Amino acid sequence: MKECSIEKFSADCPSRLLFDQIADKWSMMILAVLAKEPL
């Protein structure tokens, strides 16, 4: 298994930034609208 060199609990961890963006209330609203039909 490949060892990850990124600190998982760091504020600038890529996965943390991704989850912060997805969890944002506006992002969830946009995803819900786009799930119904594309723009």
PDB file of N, CA and C in Angstrom:
ATOM      1  N   MET A   1       0.843  -1.173   0.000  1.00  0.00           N
ATOM      2  CA  MET A   1       0.000   0.000   0.000  1.00  0.00           C
ATOM      3  C   MET A   1       0.891   1.240   0.000  1.00  0.00           C
ATOM      4  N   LYS A   2       0.496   2.234  -0.763  1.00  0.00           N
ATOM      5  CA  LYS A   2       1.261   3.471  -0.885  1.00  0.00           C
ATOM      6  C   LYS A   2       1.045   4.349   0.349  1.00  0.00           C
ATOM      7  N   GLU A   3       2.130   4.845   0.910  1.00  0.00           N
ATOM      8  CA  GLU A   3       2.059   5.720   2.080  1.00  0.00           C
ATOM      9  C   GLU A   3       1.750   7.150   1.641  1.00  0.00           C
ATOM     10  N   CYS A   4       0.808   7.778   2.281  1.00  0.00           N
ATOM     11  CA  CYS A   4       0.420   9.153   1.963  1.00  0.00           C
ATOM     12  C   CYS A   4       1.274  10.120   2.779  1.00  0.00           C
ATOM     13  N   SER A   5       1.841  11.121   2.103  1.00  0.00           N
ATOM     14  CA  SER A   5       2.702  12.077   2.800  1.00  0.00           C
ATOM     15  C   SER A   5       1.938  13.302   3.299  1.00  0.00           C
ATOM     16  N   ILE A   6       0.663  13.399   3.002  1.00  0.00           N
ATOM     17  CA  ILE A   6      -0.140  14.547   3.426  1.00  0.00           C
ATOM     18  C   ILE A   6      -0.707  14.279   4.814  1.00  0.00           C
ATOM     19  N   GLU A   7      -0.570  15.260   5.690  1.00  0.00           N
ATOM     20  CA  GLU A   7      -1.137  15.146   7.032  1.00  0.00           C
ATOM     21  C   GLU A   7      -2.660  15.207   6.938  1.00  0.00           C
ATOM     22  N   LYS A   8      -3.323  14.159   7.395  1.00  0.00           N
ATOM     23  CA  LYS A   8      -4.778  14.035   7.233  1.00  0.00           C
ATOM     24  C   LYS A   8      -5.573  15.064   8.037  1.00  0.00           C
ATOM     25  N   PHE A   9      -5.008  15.553   9.130  1.00  0.00           N
ATOM     26  CA  PHE A   9      -5.735  16.495   9.976  1.00  0.00           C
ATOM     27  C   PHE A   9      -5.301  17.939   9.747  1.00  0.00           C
ATOM     28  N   SER A  10      -4.505  18.158   8.727  1.00  0.00           N
ATOM     29  CA  SER A  10      -4.048  19.503   8.393  1.00  0.00           C
ATOM     30  C   SER A  10      -5.196  20.306   7.782  1.00  0.00           C
ATOM     31  N   ALA A  11      -5.194  21.608   8.016  1.00  0.00           N
ATOM     32  CA  ALA A  11      -6.254  22.474   7.476  1.00  0.00           C
ATOM     33  C   ALA A  11      -6.216  22.551   5.960  1.00  0.00           C
ATOM     34  N   ASP A  12      -5.053  22.307   5.353  1.00  0.00           N
ATOM     35  CA  ASP A  12      -4.947  22.390   3.892  1.00  0.00           C
ATOM     36  C   ASP A  12      -4.910  21.019   3.212  1.00  0.00           C
ATOM     37  N   CYS A  13      -5.408  19.996   3.887  1.00  0.00           N
ATOM     38  CA  CYS A  13      -5.503  18.658   3.301  1.00  0.00           C
ATOM     39  C   CYS A  13      -6.515  18.706   2.150  1.00  0.00           C
ATOM     40  N   PRO A  14      -6.168  18.193   0.958  1.00  0.00           N
ATOM     41  CA  PRO A  14      -7.082  18.257  -0.196  1.00  0.00           C
ATOM     42  C   PRO A  14      -8.453  17.630   0.064  1.00  0.00           C
ATOM     43  N   SER A  15      -8.498  16.503   0.758  1.00  0.00           N
ATOM     44  CA  SER A  15      -9.796  15.874   1.004  1.00  0.00           C
ATOM     45  C   SER A  15     -10.636  16.708   1.967  1.00  0.00           C
ATOM     46  N   ARG A  16      -9.996  17.346   2.925  1.00  0.00           N
ATOM     47  CA  ARG A  16     -10.731  18.218   3.851  1.00  0.00           C
ATOM     48  C   ARG A  16     -11.320  19.413   3.107  1.00  0.00           C
ATOM     49  N   LEU A  17     -10.546  19.990   2.202  1.00  0.00           N
ATOM     50  CA  LEU A  17     -11.042  21.114   1.409  1.00  0.00           C
ATOM     51  C   LEU A  17     -12.218  20.689   0.535  1.00  0.00           C
ATOM     52  N   LEU A  18     -12.130  19.487  -0.032  1.00  0.00           N
ATOM     53  CA  LEU A  18     -13.219  18.973  -0.862  1.00  0.00           C
ATOM     54  C   LEU A  18     -14.496  18.794  -0.041  1.00  0.00           C
ATOM     55  N   PHE A  19     -14.383  18.161   1.126  1.00  0.00           N
ATOM     56  CA  PHE A  19     -15.564  17.942   1.959  1.00  0.00           C
ATOM     57  C   PHE A  19     -16.134  19.252   2.493  1.00  0.00           C
ATOM     58  N   ASP A  20     -15.276  20.225   2.788  1.00  0.00           N
ATOM     59  CA  ASP A  20     -15.766  21.541   3.207  1.00  0.00           C
ATOM     60  C   ASP A  20     -16.583  22.184   2.097  1.00  0.00           C
ATOM     61  N   GLN A  21     -16.136  22.052   0.868  1.00  0.00           N
ATOM     62  CA  GLN A  21     -16.852  22.642  -0.266  1.00  0.00           C
ATOM     63  C   GLN A  21     -18.184  21.933  -0.500  1.00  0.00           C
ATOM     64  N   ILE A  22     -18.187  20.602  -0.425  1.00  0.00           N
ATOM     65  CA  ILE A  22     -19.418  19.836  -0.642  1.00  0.00           C
ATOM     66  C   ILE A  22     -20.430  20.107   0.468  1.00  0.00           C
ATOM     67  N   ALA A  23     -19.958  20.264   1.687  1.00  0.00           N
ATOM     68  CA  ALA A  23     -20.847  20.465   2.829  1.00  0.00           C
ATOM     69  C   ALA A  23     -21.399  21.884   2.913  1.00  0.00           C
ATOM     70  N   ASP A  24     -20.850  22.795   2.147  1.00  0.00           N
ATOM     71  CA  ASP A  24     -21.344  24.164   2.140  1.00  0.00           C
ATOM     72  C   ASP A  24     -22.812  24.172   1.705  1.00  0.00           C
ATOM     73  N   LYS A  25     -23.647  24.965   2.369  1.00  0.00           N
ATOM     74  CA  LYS A  25     -25.089  24.933   2.083  1.00  0.00           C
ATOM     75  C   LYS A  25     -25.416  25.327   0.648  1.00  0.00           C
ATOM     76  N   TRP A  26     -24.685  26.274   0.066  1.00  0.00           N
ATOM     77  CA  TRP A  26     -24.961  26.674  -1.306  1.00  0.00           C
ATOM     78  C   TRP A  26     -24.558  25.582  -2.286  1.00  0.00           C
ATOM     79  N   SER A  27     -23.468  24.895  -2.014  1.00  0.00           N
ATOM     80  CA  SER A  27     -23.037  23.810  -2.895  1.00  0.00           C
ATOM     81  C   SER A  27     -24.075  22.696  -2.925  1.00  0.00           C
ATOM     82  N   MET A  28     -24.620  22.359  -1.761  1.00  0.00           N
ATOM     83  CA  MET A  28     -25.627  21.300  -1.706  1.00  0.00           C
ATOM     84  C   MET A  28     -26.887  21.715  -2.463  1.00  0.00           C
ATOM     85  N   MET A  29     -27.267  22.978  -2.371  1.00  0.00           N
ATOM     86  CA  MET A  29     -28.445  23.458  -3.093  1.00  0.00           C
ATOM     87  C   MET A  29     -28.211  23.384  -4.604  1.00  0.00           C
ATOM     88  N   ILE A  30     -27.043  23.786  -5.050  1.00  0.00           N
ATOM     89  CA  ILE A  30     -26.708  23.743  -6.479  1.00  0.00           C
ATOM     90  C   ILE A  30     -26.669  22.305  -6.974  1.00  0.00           C
ATOM     91  N   LEU A  31     -26.066  21.404  -6.194  1.00  0.00           N
ATOM     92  CA  LEU A  31     -26.021  19.996  -6.589  1.00  0.00           C
ATOM     93  C   LEU A  31     -27.420  19.404  -6.684  1.00  0.00           C
ATOM     94  N   ALA A  32     -28.305  19.781  -5.778  1.00  0.00           N
ATOM     95  CA  ALA A  32     -29.679  19.271  -5.811  1.00  0.00           C
ATOM     96  C   ALA A  32     -30.405  19.751  -7.063  1.00  0.00           C
ATOM     97  N   VAL A  33     -30.216  21.009  -7.432  1.00  0.00           N
ATOM     98  CA  VAL A  33     -30.856  21.551  -8.633  1.00  0.00           C
ATOM     99  C   VAL A  33     -30.285  20.891  -9.882  1.00  0.00           C
ATOM    100  N   LEU A  34     -28.964  20.740  -9.937  1.00  0.00           N
ATOM    101  CA  LEU A  34     -28.333  20.139 -11.108  1.00  0.00           C
ATOM    102  C   LEU A  34     -28.641  18.649 -11.240  1.00  0.00           C
ATOM    103  N   ALA A  35     -28.962  17.995 -10.137  1.00  0.00           N
ATOM    104  CA  ALA A  35     -29.299  16.576 -10.195  1.00  0.00           C
ATOM    105  C   ALA A  35     -30.611  16.361 -10.954  1.00  0.00           C
ATOM    106  N   LYS A  36     -31.487  17.353 -10.894  1.00  0.00           N
ATOM    107  CA  LYS A  36     -32.777  17.245 -11.579  1.00  0.00           C
ATOM    108  C   LYS A  36     -32.624  17.442 -13.080  1.00  0.00           C
ATOM    109  N   GLU A  37     -31.880  18.467 -13.469  1.00  0.00           N
ATOM    110  CA  GLU A  37     -31.655  18.734 -14.895  1.00  0.00           C
ATOM    111  C   GLU A  37     -30.445  19.646 -15.064  1.00  0.00           C
ATOM    112  N   PRO A  38     -29.677  19.474 -16.123  1.00  0.00           N
ATOM    113  CA  PRO A  38     -28.515  20.349 -16.339  1.00  0.00           C
ATOM    114  C   PRO A  38     -28.950  21.757 -16.735  1.00  0.00           C
ATOM    115  N   LEU A  39     -28.058  22.701 -16.558  1.00  0.00           N
ATOM    116  CA  LEU A  39     -28.372  24.099 -16.898  1.00  0.00           C
ATOM    117  C   LEU A  39     -28.552  24.290 -18.368  1.00  0.00           C
TER     118      LEU A  39
END
